[in-house]
Amino acid sequence: MMKEAEFKQACLDEGYGVAEALECEPNMSGDMHTHEFSAFAMVTRGEFTVMLENGPVTHRPGEACKVDAGTLHAEQTGPDGATLLIGRK
C-alpha cells in the first residue's frame, strides 16, 4: 500500500511527471479504448476497476496500477465513485 507522497515521488522518478488528482463519477463505466500516453494511477478514495483483455482488476485506496500507451482497456467505478492521483508520460 502506497502513501500519496510516495506515489507522487514515484511518478517523478519514473518519468510520469507531476501526479494530478482526478475525480471519477459514481458507477462510471467506459468503453474499451486506448491512450497515446502511459498512465500510472493510485486510488485515494473509492474503488477503481481497470478492465483489461484478460479480465478486470479492482484497486482500492493506496493501490496503484499502470496502463501502458496503446493498451486496450476500460475504466469502472463503484457506487461511491473514486478519486485518483494520476501521472502520464
N, C-alpha and C. Protein backbone atom coordinates (compact mmCIF):
# COMPACT_ATOMS: atom_id res chain seq x y z
N MET A 1 0.84 -1.17 0.00
CA MET A 1 0.00 0.00 0.00
C MET A 1 0.89 1.24 0.00
N MET A 2 0.66 2.13 -0.95
CA MET A 2 1.47 3.34 -1.07
C MET A 2 0.80 4.52 -0.38
N LYS A 3 1.61 5.44 0.07
CA LYS A 3 1.11 6.71 0.60
C LYS A 3 1.19 7.72 -0.54
N GLU A 4 0.39 8.78 -0.45
CA GLU A 4 0.33 9.76 -1.54
C GLU A 4 1.70 10.36 -1.86
N ALA A 5 2.47 10.71 -0.83
CA ALA A 5 3.79 11.31 -1.07
C ALA A 5 4.71 10.33 -1.79
N GLU A 6 4.64 9.05 -1.43
CA GLU A 6 5.46 8.03 -2.10
C GLU A 6 5.07 7.90 -3.57
N PHE A 7 3.76 7.91 -3.82
CA PHE A 7 3.27 7.79 -5.19
C PHE A 7 3.72 8.99 -6.03
N LYS A 8 3.55 10.19 -5.48
CA LYS A 8 3.96 11.39 -6.22
C LYS A 8 5.44 11.35 -6.57
N GLN A 9 6.26 10.90 -5.64
CA GLN A 9 7.69 10.80 -5.91
C GLN A 9 7.98 9.72 -6.95
N ALA A 10 7.26 8.59 -6.87
CA ALA A 10 7.45 7.51 -7.85
C ALA A 10 7.09 8.00 -9.25
N CYS A 11 6.05 8.81 -9.37
CA CYS A 11 5.68 9.37 -10.68
C CYS A 11 6.84 10.17 -11.26
N LEU A 12 7.42 11.02 -10.44
CA LEU A 12 8.55 11.84 -10.90
C LEU A 12 9.75 10.96 -11.24
N ASP A 13 10.07 10.02 -10.35
CA ASP A 13 11.23 9.15 -10.54
C ASP A 13 11.12 8.31 -11.82
N GLU A 14 9.89 7.92 -12.17
CA GLU A 14 9.68 7.03 -13.32
C GLU A 14 9.30 7.79 -14.60
N GLY A 15 9.36 9.13 -14.54
CA GLY A 15 9.12 9.93 -15.74
C GLY A 15 7.67 10.19 -16.09
N TYR A 16 6.76 9.99 -15.14
CA TYR A 16 5.35 10.24 -15.39
C TYR A 16 4.95 11.69 -15.15
N GLY A 17 5.84 12.50 -14.66
CA GLY A 17 5.53 13.90 -14.40
C GLY A 17 4.80 14.06 -13.08
N VAL A 18 4.26 15.26 -12.87
CA VAL A 18 3.57 15.59 -11.62
C VAL A 18 2.21 14.90 -11.60
N ALA A 19 1.93 14.17 -10.54
CA ALA A 19 0.63 13.50 -10.40
C ALA A 19 -0.46 14.52 -10.12
N GLU A 20 -1.59 14.35 -10.80
CA GLU A 20 -2.73 15.24 -10.62
C GLU A 20 -3.93 14.45 -10.11
N ALA A 21 -4.78 15.11 -9.33
CA ALA A 21 -5.98 14.47 -8.81
C ALA A 21 -7.04 14.38 -9.91
N LEU A 22 -7.76 13.29 -9.93
CA LEU A 22 -8.84 13.07 -10.89
C LEU A 22 -10.03 12.51 -10.13
N GLU A 23 -11.17 13.21 -10.22
CA GLU A 23 -12.41 12.75 -9.59
C GLU A 23 -13.20 11.96 -10.61
N CYS A 24 -13.65 10.76 -10.25
CA CYS A 24 -14.45 9.92 -11.13
C CYS A 24 -15.85 9.77 -10.55
N GLU A 25 -16.83 9.90 -11.40
CA GLU A 25 -18.24 9.83 -11.00
C GLU A 25 -18.60 8.44 -10.47
N PRO A 26 -19.62 8.37 -9.62
CA PRO A 26 -20.12 7.06 -9.17
C PRO A 26 -20.63 6.23 -10.35
N ASN A 27 -20.43 4.95 -10.28
CA ASN A 27 -20.92 3.98 -11.28
C ASN A 27 -20.52 4.32 -12.71
N MET A 28 -19.35 4.93 -12.88
CA MET A 28 -18.83 5.22 -14.21
C MET A 28 -18.44 3.90 -14.87
N SER A 29 -18.74 3.79 -16.15
CA SER A 29 -18.36 2.60 -16.91
C SER A 29 -18.05 3.03 -18.33
N GLY A 30 -16.78 2.99 -18.69
CA GLY A 30 -16.38 3.44 -20.02
C GLY A 30 -16.25 2.28 -20.99
N ASP A 31 -16.19 2.62 -22.27
CA ASP A 31 -15.98 1.63 -23.33
C ASP A 31 -14.50 1.31 -23.43
N MET A 32 -14.19 0.17 -24.02
CA MET A 32 -12.81 -0.21 -24.25
C MET A 32 -12.18 0.83 -25.18
N HIS A 33 -10.94 1.23 -24.85
CA HIS A 33 -10.23 2.25 -25.63
C HIS A 33 -8.74 2.17 -25.34
N THR A 34 -7.97 2.98 -26.03
CA THR A 34 -6.53 3.09 -25.78
C THR A 34 -6.19 4.57 -25.60
N HIS A 35 -5.01 4.82 -25.06
CA HIS A 35 -4.48 6.18 -24.93
C HIS A 35 -3.15 6.26 -25.65
N GLU A 36 -2.77 7.46 -26.05
CA GLU A 36 -1.46 7.69 -26.66
C GLU A 36 -0.39 7.89 -25.60
N PHE A 37 -0.77 7.85 -24.33
CA PHE A 37 0.16 8.04 -23.22
C PHE A 37 0.07 6.86 -22.27
N SER A 38 1.13 6.65 -21.50
CA SER A 38 1.11 5.66 -20.42
C SER A 38 0.61 6.36 -19.16
N ALA A 39 -0.15 5.64 -18.35
CA ALA A 39 -0.71 6.22 -17.12
C ALA A 39 -0.28 5.39 -15.92
N PHE A 40 -0.01 6.10 -14.83
CA PHE A 40 0.33 5.50 -13.54
C PHE A 40 -0.66 6.14 -12.57
N ALA A 41 -1.52 5.34 -11.96
CA ALA A 41 -2.58 5.88 -11.12
C ALA A 41 -2.62 5.19 -9.76
N MET A 42 -2.98 5.97 -8.74
CA MET A 42 -3.19 5.43 -7.40
C MET A 42 -4.56 5.89 -6.91
N VAL A 43 -5.32 4.97 -6.36
CA VAL A 43 -6.63 5.30 -5.80
C VAL A 43 -6.43 5.92 -4.42
N THR A 44 -7.09 7.07 -4.19
CA THR A 44 -7.05 7.70 -2.87
C THR A 44 -8.40 7.61 -2.17
N ARG A 45 -9.46 7.33 -2.94
CA ARG A 45 -10.80 7.18 -2.37
C ARG A 45 -11.64 6.32 -3.29
N GLY A 46 -12.45 5.42 -2.73
CA GLY A 46 -13.37 4.61 -3.51
C GLY A 46 -12.70 3.39 -4.13
N GLU A 47 -13.35 2.86 -5.17
CA GLU A 47 -12.84 1.71 -5.92
C GLU A 47 -12.76 2.07 -7.39
N PHE A 48 -11.67 1.63 -8.03
CA PHE A 48 -11.45 1.90 -9.44
C PHE A 48 -11.04 0.59 -10.10
N THR A 49 -11.81 0.17 -11.09
CA THR A 49 -11.54 -1.08 -11.78
C THR A 49 -11.03 -0.80 -13.18
N VAL A 50 -9.94 -1.45 -13.54
CA VAL A 50 -9.41 -1.39 -14.89
C VAL A 50 -9.77 -2.71 -15.56
N MET A 51 -10.54 -2.61 -16.64
CA MET A 51 -10.93 -3.79 -17.41
C MET A 51 -9.89 -3.97 -18.50
N LEU A 52 -9.18 -5.09 -18.45
CA LEU A 52 -8.18 -5.42 -19.47
C LEU A 52 -8.69 -6.60 -20.29
N GLU A 53 -8.00 -6.90 -21.36
CA GLU A 53 -8.44 -8.01 -22.21
C GLU A 53 -8.46 -9.34 -21.46
N ASN A 54 -7.60 -9.46 -20.44
CA ASN A 54 -7.57 -10.72 -19.67
C ASN A 54 -8.40 -10.65 -18.39
N GLY A 55 -9.24 -9.61 -18.26
CA GLY A 55 -10.16 -9.52 -17.13
C GLY A 55 -9.99 -8.24 -16.32
N PRO A 56 -10.88 -8.04 -15.35
CA PRO A 56 -10.86 -6.82 -14.53
C PRO A 56 -9.90 -6.92 -13.35
N VAL A 57 -9.36 -5.76 -12.96
CA VAL A 57 -8.53 -5.66 -11.76
C VAL A 57 -9.05 -4.46 -10.98
N THR A 58 -9.53 -4.68 -9.75
CA THR A 58 -10.08 -3.61 -8.93
C THR A 58 -9.02 -3.11 -7.94
N HIS A 59 -8.92 -1.79 -7.85
CA HIS A 59 -7.94 -1.15 -6.97
C HIS A 59 -8.68 -0.32 -5.93
N ARG A 60 -8.13 -0.34 -4.71
CA ARG A 60 -8.72 0.38 -3.58
C ARG A 60 -7.71 1.40 -3.06
N PRO A 61 -8.10 2.25 -2.12
CA PRO A 61 -7.17 3.28 -1.63
C PRO A 61 -5.79 2.72 -1.25
N GLY A 62 -4.77 3.42 -1.77
CA GLY A 62 -3.39 3.01 -1.52
C GLY A 62 -2.82 2.06 -2.55
N GLU A 63 -3.67 1.58 -3.46
CA GLU A 63 -3.22 0.65 -4.50
C GLU A 63 -3.01 1.42 -5.81
N ALA A 64 -1.99 1.02 -6.55
CA ALA A 64 -1.64 1.70 -7.79
C ALA A 64 -1.64 0.73 -8.96
N CYS A 65 -1.76 1.30 -10.16
CA CYS A 65 -1.71 0.49 -11.38
C CYS A 65 -1.08 1.31 -12.50
N LYS A 66 -0.59 0.60 -13.49
CA LYS A 66 -0.03 1.23 -14.68
C LYS A 66 -0.74 0.67 -15.90
N VAL A 67 -1.01 1.54 -16.85
CA VAL A 67 -1.57 1.13 -18.14
C VAL A 67 -0.66 1.76 -19.20
N ASP A 68 0.02 0.91 -19.95
CA ASP A 68 0.94 1.39 -20.98
C ASP A 68 0.18 1.98 -22.17
N ALA A 69 0.80 2.93 -22.83
CA ALA A 69 0.22 3.52 -24.04
C ALA A 69 -0.15 2.41 -25.02
N GLY A 70 -1.31 2.54 -25.65
CA GLY A 70 -1.76 1.57 -26.64
C GLY A 70 -2.44 0.34 -26.08
N THR A 71 -2.54 0.23 -24.75
CA THR A 71 -3.18 -0.94 -24.13
C THR A 71 -4.70 -0.77 -24.17
N LEU A 72 -5.40 -1.74 -24.72
CA LEU A 72 -6.85 -1.72 -24.77
C LEU A 72 -7.39 -1.94 -23.36
N HIS A 73 -8.24 -1.03 -22.89
CA HIS A 73 -8.76 -1.11 -21.52
C HIS A 73 -10.03 -0.26 -21.39
N ALA A 74 -10.71 -0.42 -20.26
CA ALA A 74 -11.86 0.42 -19.89
C ALA A 74 -11.77 0.65 -18.39
N GLU A 75 -12.41 1.72 -17.93
CA GLU A 75 -12.40 2.03 -16.51
C GLU A 75 -13.82 1.95 -15.95
N GLN A 76 -13.92 1.54 -14.69
CA GLN A 76 -15.20 1.50 -13.98
C GLN A 76 -14.99 1.97 -12.55
N THR A 77 -16.03 2.55 -11.97
CA THR A 77 -16.00 2.89 -10.55
C THR A 77 -17.19 2.26 -9.86
N GLY A 78 -17.13 2.20 -8.54
CA GLY A 78 -18.22 1.67 -7.74
C GLY A 78 -19.26 2.73 -7.45
N PRO A 79 -20.20 2.43 -6.56
CA PRO A 79 -21.31 3.32 -6.26
C PRO A 79 -20.90 4.63 -5.60
N ASP A 80 -19.70 4.69 -5.03
CA ASP A 80 -19.23 5.92 -4.39
C ASP A 80 -18.26 6.70 -5.27
N GLY A 81 -18.03 6.25 -6.50
CA GLY A 81 -17.06 6.91 -7.36
C GLY A 81 -15.65 6.63 -6.88
N ALA A 82 -14.70 7.44 -7.34
CA ALA A 82 -13.31 7.25 -6.94
C ALA A 82 -12.54 8.54 -7.15
N THR A 83 -11.50 8.69 -6.37
CA THR A 83 -10.53 9.77 -6.58
C THR A 83 -9.19 9.11 -6.81
N LEU A 84 -8.50 9.58 -7.85
CA LEU A 84 -7.20 9.04 -8.22
C LEU A 84 -6.16 10.13 -8.23
N LEU A 85 -4.93 9.74 -8.03
CA LEU A 85 -3.79 10.55 -8.41
C LEU A 85 -3.26 9.90 -9.65
N ILE A 86 -3.00 10.68 -10.70
CA ILE A 86 -2.57 10.09 -11.97
C ILE A 86 -1.42 10.88 -12.58
N GLY A 87 -0.42 10.14 -13.02
CA GLY A 87 0.70 10.69 -13.76
C GLY A 87 0.68 10.13 -15.17
N ARG A 88 1.12 10.93 -16.13
CA ARG A 88 1.11 10.49 -17.54
C ARG A 88 2.48 10.71 -18.17
N LYS A 89 2.82 9.82 -19.11
CA LYS A 89 4.03 10.02 -19.91
C LYS A 89 3.84 9.46 -21.29
